[in-house]
Amino acid sequence: GMSDSETFAIRVNNAPTPPTIALSPDPAYTTDDLIAVAIGSTDLDGDSVLYQYQWFLDGTLTSFTNPTISSSDTNKDESWTVRVTPTDGYQQGAYAEATILVSNSPTNIDSISVTPTQPNVVDTVTCNVSVTDADNDPLTETYQWDNATTGLSLGSQNTLSLSNAIASPGDIISCTYSVDDAQSNNSTSAVVYVSN
């Protein structure tokens, strides 16, 4: 006739629903941080929902567990996938994923100028250009000199002798610089007036 009893608690829990994920910016370049925003998970028990992040680079799990990946950790043509798993503190719900491809950053032309700034018809002018390429791509650079006053094409080097270019006082001389990183092209121009 002996008996015994024990009391214990049972939690009946519903896992949170999968979130909706937005990756920004889109498109993403090598100069951009990748930011994952997860929203929309619901919990039928009314528990607070937290999100756990995992990042995959070209399909391989990395050690990154924050919502943001710094641009210093990405390179062009890489495929980044974020996996976001919701949890209510008791149970994980089904995860959701989003993927983005890091695009090539166009070469930036930081500055362009022609020196001297007030040349005469016997001077040699130089097209001075400063560029940066976030991807460290090999660059193809071209120069084009024109006499905007006469419409003549004058040369394709970074320097130009005005005495050989048939320039006259008052002419407008332009240098057009183009740079190509094999995936994008950028160009800009600078002008000077030939003095007397």
C-alpha atoms as a PDB file:
ATOM      1  CA  GLY A   1       0.000   0.000   0.000  1.00  0.00           C
ATOM      2  CA  MET A   2       2.962   2.372  -0.195  1.00  0.00           C
ATOM      3  CA  SER A   3       2.734   5.353  -2.579  1.00  0.00           C
ATOM      4  CA  ASP A   4       4.838   8.292  -3.684  1.00  0.00           C
ATOM      5  CA  SER A   5       4.257  11.422  -5.713  1.00  0.00           C
ATOM      6  CA  GLU A   6       6.300  14.114  -7.420  1.00  0.00           C
ATOM      7  CA  THR A   7       5.234  17.436  -8.893  1.00  0.00           C
ATOM      8  CA  PHE A   8       6.937  18.935 -11.906  1.00  0.00           C
ATOM      9  CA  ALA A   9       6.200  21.654 -14.454  1.00  0.00           C
ATOM     10  CA  ILE A  10       5.749  21.155 -18.167  1.00  0.00           C
ATOM     11  CA  ARG A  11       6.101  24.077 -20.562  1.00  0.00           C
ATOM     12  CA  VAL A  12       3.978  23.843 -23.667  1.00  0.00           C
ATOM     13  CA  ASN A  13       5.740  26.194 -26.064  1.00  0.00           C
ATOM     14  CA  ASN A  14       5.227  27.401 -29.610  1.00  0.00           C
ATOM     15  CA  ALA A  15       8.348  28.306 -31.590  1.00  0.00           C
ATOM     16  CA  PRO A  16       8.408  31.776 -33.174  1.00  0.00           C
ATOM     17  CA  THR A  17       7.679  32.080 -36.857  1.00  0.00           C
ATOM     18  CA  PRO A  18      10.470  32.777 -39.413  1.00  0.00           C
ATOM     19  CA  PRO A  19      11.391  36.425 -39.953  1.00  0.00           C
ATOM     20  CA  THR A  20      11.422  38.526 -43.078  1.00  0.00           C
ATOM     21  CA  ILE A  21      14.945  39.676 -43.948  1.00  0.00           C
ATOM     22  CA  ALA A  22      16.081  42.768 -45.828  1.00  0.00           C
ATOM     23  CA  LEU A  23      19.726  43.147 -46.867  1.00  0.00           C
ATOM     24  CA  SER A  24      20.968  46.641 -47.606  1.00  0.00           C
ATOM     25  CA  PRO A  25      22.237  48.413 -49.507  1.00  0.00           C
ATOM     26  CA  ASP A  26      21.100  46.753 -52.691  1.00  0.00           C
ATOM     27  CA  PRO A  27      23.092  46.807 -54.864  1.00  0.00           C
ATOM     28  CA  ALA A  28      26.047  46.538 -52.486  1.00  0.00           C
ATOM     29  CA  TYR A  29      29.559  47.641 -53.419  1.00  0.00           C
ATOM     30  CA  THR A  30      32.920  46.928 -51.825  1.00  0.00           C
ATOM     31  CA  THR A  31      32.761  50.288 -50.045  1.00  0.00           C
ATOM     32  CA  ASP A  32      29.438  49.421 -48.356  1.00  0.00           C
ATOM     33  CA  ASP A  33      28.762  47.719 -45.050  1.00  0.00           C
ATOM     34  CA  LEU A  34      26.252  44.861 -45.389  1.00  0.00           C
ATOM     35  CA  ILE A  35      23.306  45.334 -43.042  1.00  0.00           C
ATOM     36  CA  ALA A  36      20.705  42.658 -42.285  1.00  0.00           C
ATOM     37  CA  VAL A  37      17.350  43.734 -40.865  1.00  0.00           C
ATOM     38  CA  ALA A  38      15.078  40.951 -39.582  1.00  0.00           C
ATOM     39  CA  ILE A  39      11.455  41.653 -38.707  1.00  0.00           C
ATOM     40  CA  GLY A  40       8.076  39.992 -38.548  1.00  0.00           C
ATOM     41  CA  SER A  41       8.572  36.929 -36.334  1.00  0.00           C
ATOM     42  CA  THR A  42       5.604  36.269 -34.074  1.00  0.00           C
ATOM     43  CA  ASP A  43       5.260  34.087 -30.992  1.00  0.00           C
ATOM     44  CA  LEU A  44       1.868  32.592 -30.161  1.00  0.00           C
ATOM     45  CA  ASP A  45       2.795  32.452 -26.482  1.00  0.00           C
ATOM     46  CA  GLY A  46       3.513  36.175 -26.364  1.00  0.00           C
ATOM     47  CA  ASP A  47       7.207  35.670 -25.594  1.00  0.00           C
ATOM     48  CA  SER A  48       9.764  38.230 -26.772  1.00  0.00           C
ATOM     49  CA  VAL A  49      11.564  37.169 -29.933  1.00  0.00           C
ATOM     50  CA  LEU A  50      15.304  37.594 -30.399  1.00  0.00           C
ATOM     51  CA  TYR A  51      17.275  36.951 -33.576  1.00  0.00           C
ATOM     52  CA  GLN A  52      20.494  35.000 -34.030  1.00  0.00           C
ATOM     53  CA  TYR A  53      22.645  35.798 -37.082  1.00  0.00           C
ATOM     54  CA  GLN A  54      24.979  33.592 -39.088  1.00  0.00           C
ATOM     55  CA  TRP A  55      26.837  34.763 -42.179  1.00  0.00           C
ATOM     56  CA  PHE A  56      28.003  32.544 -45.042  1.00  0.00           C
ATOM     57  CA  LEU A  57      30.653  33.602 -47.574  1.00  0.00           C
ATOM     58  CA  ASP A  58      30.225  31.801 -50.889  1.00  0.00           C
ATOM     59  CA  GLY A  59      28.339  29.074 -49.024  1.00  0.00           C
ATOM     60  CA  THR A  60      30.862  28.629 -46.192  1.00  0.00           C
ATOM     61  CA  LEU A  61      29.918  29.514 -42.623  1.00  0.00           C
ATOM     62  CA  THR A  62      31.966  32.384 -41.158  1.00  0.00           C
ATOM     63  CA  SER A  63      32.478  33.554 -37.586  1.00  0.00           C
ATOM     64  CA  PHE A  64      30.363  36.698 -38.041  1.00  0.00           C
ATOM     65  CA  THR A  65      27.292  36.774 -35.791  1.00  0.00           C
ATOM     66  CA  ASN A  66      26.261  40.437 -35.882  1.00  0.00           C
ATOM     67  CA  PRO A  67      23.624  42.026 -38.127  1.00  0.00           C
ATOM     68  CA  THR A  68      26.326  44.042 -39.935  1.00  0.00           C
ATOM     69  CA  ILE A  69      29.358  43.011 -41.991  1.00  0.00           C
ATOM     70  CA  SER A  70      32.007  45.717 -42.370  1.00  0.00           C
ATOM     71  CA  SER A  71      33.069  46.705 -45.883  1.00  0.00           C
ATOM     72  CA  SER A  72      36.647  45.911 -44.837  1.00  0.00           C
ATOM     73  CA  ASP A  73      35.625  42.224 -44.685  1.00  0.00           C
ATOM     74  CA  THR A  74      34.095  42.039 -48.169  1.00  0.00           C
ATOM     75  CA  ASN A  75      35.428  41.973 -51.713  1.00  0.00           C
ATOM     76  CA  LYS A  76      33.780  42.307 -55.090  1.00  0.00           C
ATOM     77  CA  ASP A  77      32.119  39.247 -56.644  1.00  0.00           C
ATOM     78  CA  GLU A  78      31.631  37.622 -53.220  1.00  0.00           C
ATOM     79  CA  SER A  79      28.248  36.115 -52.396  1.00  0.00           C
ATOM     80  CA  TRP A  80      27.130  36.784 -48.795  1.00  0.00           C
ATOM     81  CA  THR A  81      24.199  34.965 -47.215  1.00  0.00           C
ATOM     82  CA  VAL A  82      22.735  35.810 -43.826  1.00  0.00           C
ATOM     83  CA  ARG A  83      20.760  33.193 -41.910  1.00  0.00           C
ATOM     84  CA  VAL A  84      18.510  34.596 -39.196  1.00  0.00           C
ATOM     85  CA  THR A  85      17.036  32.227 -36.606  1.00  0.00           C
ATOM     86  CA  PRO A  86      14.314  33.472 -34.223  1.00  0.00           C
ATOM     87  CA  THR A  87      14.229  32.331 -30.610  1.00  0.00           C
ATOM     88  CA  ASP A  88      11.839  33.016 -27.743  1.00  0.00           C
ATOM     89  CA  GLY A  89      14.388  31.972 -25.121  1.00  0.00           C
ATOM     90  CA  TYR A  90      12.983  28.467 -24.918  1.00  0.00           C
ATOM     91  CA  GLN A  91      12.977  27.227 -28.478  1.00  0.00           C
ATOM     92  CA  GLN A  92      14.377  28.228 -31.845  1.00  0.00           C
ATOM     93  CA  GLY A  93      12.026  28.726 -34.737  1.00  0.00           C
ATOM     94  CA  ALA A  94      12.651  28.044 -38.418  1.00  0.00           C
ATOM     95  CA  TYR A  95      15.327  30.287 -39.919  1.00  0.00           C
ATOM     96  CA  ALA A  96      15.147  32.509 -42.981  1.00  0.00           C
ATOM     97  CA  GLU A  97      17.964  33.471 -45.368  1.00  0.00           C
ATOM     98  CA  ALA A  98      18.813  36.299 -47.749  1.00  0.00           C
ATOM     99  CA  THR A  99      21.736  36.566 -50.182  1.00  0.00           C
ATOM    100  CA  ILE A 100      23.480  39.478 -51.862  1.00  0.00           C
ATOM    101  CA  LEU A 101      26.370  39.720 -54.324  1.00  0.00           C
ATOM    102  CA  VAL A 102      29.037  42.344 -53.691  1.00  0.00           C
ATOM    103  CA  SER A 103      29.383  44.400 -56.860  1.00  0.00           C
ATOM    104  CA  ASN A 104      32.452  46.057 -58.321  1.00  0.00           C
ATOM    105  CA  SER A 105      33.043  49.606 -57.080  1.00  0.00           C
ATOM    106  CA  PRO A 106      33.668  51.979 -59.988  1.00  0.00           C
ATOM    107  CA  THR A 107      37.006  53.758 -59.920  1.00  0.00           C
ATOM    108  CA  ASN A 108      36.606  57.175 -58.332  1.00  0.00           C
ATOM    109  CA  ILE A 109      38.256  60.182 -59.956  1.00  0.00           C
ATOM    110  CA  ASP A 110      39.140  62.279 -56.924  1.00  0.00           C
ATOM    111  CA  SER A 111      40.506  65.286 -58.781  1.00  0.00           C
ATOM    112  CA  ILE A 112      41.624  66.533 -62.183  1.00  0.00           C
ATOM    113  CA  SER A 113      43.449  69.719 -63.124  1.00  0.00           C
ATOM    114  CA  VAL A 114      45.610  71.146 -65.876  1.00  0.00           C
ATOM    115  CA  THR A 115      48.846  72.933 -65.041  1.00  0.00           C
ATOM    116  CA  PRO A 116      49.971  75.574 -65.531  1.00  0.00           C
ATOM    117  CA  THR A 117      46.575  77.135 -64.987  1.00  0.00           C
ATOM    118  CA  GLN A 118      47.313  80.064 -67.325  1.00  0.00           C
ATOM    119  CA  PRO A 119      49.523  78.649 -70.082  1.00  0.00           C
ATOM    120  CA  ASN A 120      50.718  80.517 -73.142  1.00  0.00           C
ATOM    121  CA  VAL A 121      51.359  79.157 -76.616  1.00  0.00           C
ATOM    122  CA  VAL A 122      54.911  77.985 -75.825  1.00  0.00           C
ATOM    123  CA  ASP A 123      54.070  76.091 -72.621  1.00  0.00           C
ATOM    124  CA  THR A 124      53.698  72.363 -72.053  1.00  0.00           C
ATOM    125  CA  VAL A 125      50.546  71.589 -70.102  1.00  0.00           C
ATOM    126  CA  THR A 126      50.051  68.569 -67.883  1.00  0.00           C
ATOM    127  CA  CYS A 127      46.815  66.777 -67.004  1.00  0.00           C
ATOM    128  CA  ASN A 128      47.016  65.896 -63.297  1.00  0.00           C
ATOM    129  CA  VAL A 129      44.642  63.209 -62.070  1.00  0.00           C
ATOM    130  CA  SER A 130      44.110  61.479 -58.732  1.00  0.00           C
ATOM    131  CA  VAL A 131      42.068  58.266 -58.604  1.00  0.00           C
ATOM    132  CA  THR A 132      41.158  55.592 -56.062  1.00  0.00           C
ATOM    133  CA  ASP A 133      39.845  52.100 -56.687  1.00  0.00           C
ATOM    134  CA  ALA A 134      38.310  50.308 -53.709  1.00  0.00           C
ATOM    135  CA  ASP A 135      38.851  46.923 -55.362  1.00  0.00           C
ATOM    136  CA  ASN A 136      42.530  47.572 -56.188  1.00  0.00           C
ATOM    137  CA  ASP A 137      41.831  46.577 -59.783  1.00  0.00           C
ATOM    138  CA  PRO A 138      44.412  47.106 -62.524  1.00  0.00           C
ATOM    139  CA  LEU A 139      43.387  50.282 -64.328  1.00  0.00           C
ATOM    140  CA  THR A 140      43.491  51.311 -67.963  1.00  0.00           C
ATOM    141  CA  GLU A 141      43.904  55.088 -68.223  1.00  0.00           C
ATOM    142  CA  THR A 142      43.523  57.261 -71.312  1.00  0.00           C
ATOM    143  CA  TYR A 143      43.974  60.980 -71.972  1.00  0.00           C
ATOM    144  CA  GLN A 144      42.476  63.060 -74.752  1.00  0.00           C
ATOM    145  CA  TRP A 145      43.453  66.678 -75.439  1.00  0.00           C
ATOM    146  CA  ASP A 146      41.203  68.877 -77.568  1.00  0.00           C
ATOM    147  CA  ASN A 147      41.109  72.484 -78.637  1.00  0.00           C
ATOM    148  CA  ALA A 148      37.494  73.281 -77.817  1.00  0.00           C
ATOM    149  CA  THR A 149      37.759  76.534 -79.738  1.00  0.00           C
ATOM    150  CA  THR A 150      38.903  75.074 -83.053  1.00  0.00           C
ATOM    151  CA  GLY A 151      37.533  71.547 -82.593  1.00  0.00           C
ATOM    152  CA  LEU A 152      40.943  69.984 -83.223  1.00  0.00           C
ATOM    153  CA  SER A 153      42.077  66.806 -81.479  1.00  0.00           C
ATOM    154  CA  LEU A 154      45.537  67.488 -80.045  1.00  0.00           C
ATOM    155  CA  GLY A 155      47.000  64.420 -78.325  1.00  0.00           C
ATOM    156  CA  SER A 156      46.583  61.367 -76.125  1.00  0.00           C
ATOM    157  CA  GLN A 157      49.362  61.667 -73.536  1.00  0.00           C
ATOM    158  CA  ASN A 158      49.140  63.224 -70.092  1.00  0.00           C
ATOM    159  CA  THR A 159      51.241  66.178 -71.335  1.00  0.00           C
ATOM    160  CA  LEU A 160      50.788  68.425 -74.348  1.00  0.00           C
ATOM    161  CA  SER A 161      53.087  70.981 -75.960  1.00  0.00           C
ATOM    162  CA  LEU A 162      50.934  73.917 -76.987  1.00  0.00           C
ATOM    163  CA  SER A 163      53.547  75.120 -79.455  1.00  0.00           C
ATOM    164  CA  ASN A 164      52.995  71.936 -81.424  1.00  0.00           C
ATOM    165  CA  ALA A 165      49.242  71.991 -81.018  1.00  0.00           C
ATOM    166  CA  ILE A 166      48.510  75.140 -82.982  1.00  0.00           C
ATOM    167  CA  ALA A 167      46.976  76.912 -80.006  1.00  0.00           C
ATOM    168  CA  SER A 168      46.291  80.617 -80.041  1.00  0.00           C
ATOM    169  CA  PRO A 169      45.711  83.080 -77.204  1.00  0.00           C
ATOM    170  CA  GLY A 170      42.119  82.796 -76.073  1.00  0.00           C
ATOM    171  CA  ASP A 171      41.725  79.148 -77.101  1.00  0.00           C
ATOM    172  CA  ILE A 172      40.133  76.734 -74.669  1.00  0.00           C
ATOM    173  CA  ILE A 173      42.217  73.578 -74.197  1.00  0.00           C
ATOM    174  CA  SER A 174      40.530  70.568 -72.571  1.00  0.00           C
ATOM    175  CA  CYS A 175      41.902  67.349 -71.127  1.00  0.00           C
ATOM    176  CA  THR A 176      39.487  64.422 -70.912  1.00  0.00           C
ATOM    177  CA  TYR A 177      40.633  61.590 -68.658  1.00  0.00           C
ATOM    178  CA  SER A 178      39.070  58.121 -68.737  1.00  0.00           C
ATOM    179  CA  VAL A 179      39.733  55.155 -66.471  1.00  0.00           C
ATOM    180  CA  ASP A 180      38.545  51.580 -66.894  1.00  0.00           C
ATOM    181  CA  ASP A 181      38.790  48.756 -64.326  1.00  0.00           C
ATOM    182  CA  ALA A 182      37.513  46.114 -66.786  1.00  0.00           C
ATOM    183  CA  GLN A 183      34.023  46.244 -65.275  1.00  0.00           C
ATOM    184  CA  SER A 184      33.220  49.950 -65.278  1.00  0.00           C
ATOM    185  CA  ASN A 185      34.387  53.144 -66.925  1.00  0.00           C
ATOM    186  CA  ASN A 186      34.575  56.663 -65.561  1.00  0.00           C
ATOM    187  CA  SER A 187      35.701  59.904 -67.172  1.00  0.00           C
ATOM    188  CA  THR A 188      35.931  63.628 -66.501  1.00  0.00           C
ATOM    189  CA  SER A 189      37.479  66.745 -68.031  1.00  0.00           C
ATOM    190  CA  ALA A 190      39.340  69.916 -67.102  1.00  0.00           C
ATOM    191  CA  VAL A 191      39.993  73.024 -69.209  1.00  0.00           C
ATOM    192  CA  VAL A 192      42.412  75.948 -69.332  1.00  0.00           C
ATOM    193  CA  TYR A 193      42.439  79.145 -71.342  1.00  0.00           C
ATOM    194  CA  VAL A 194      45.523  79.965 -73.372  1.00  0.00           C
ATOM    195  CA  SER A 195      46.818  83.356 -72.282  1.00  0.00           C
ATOM    196  CA  ASN A 196      48.495  86.011 -74.402  1.00  0.00           C
END
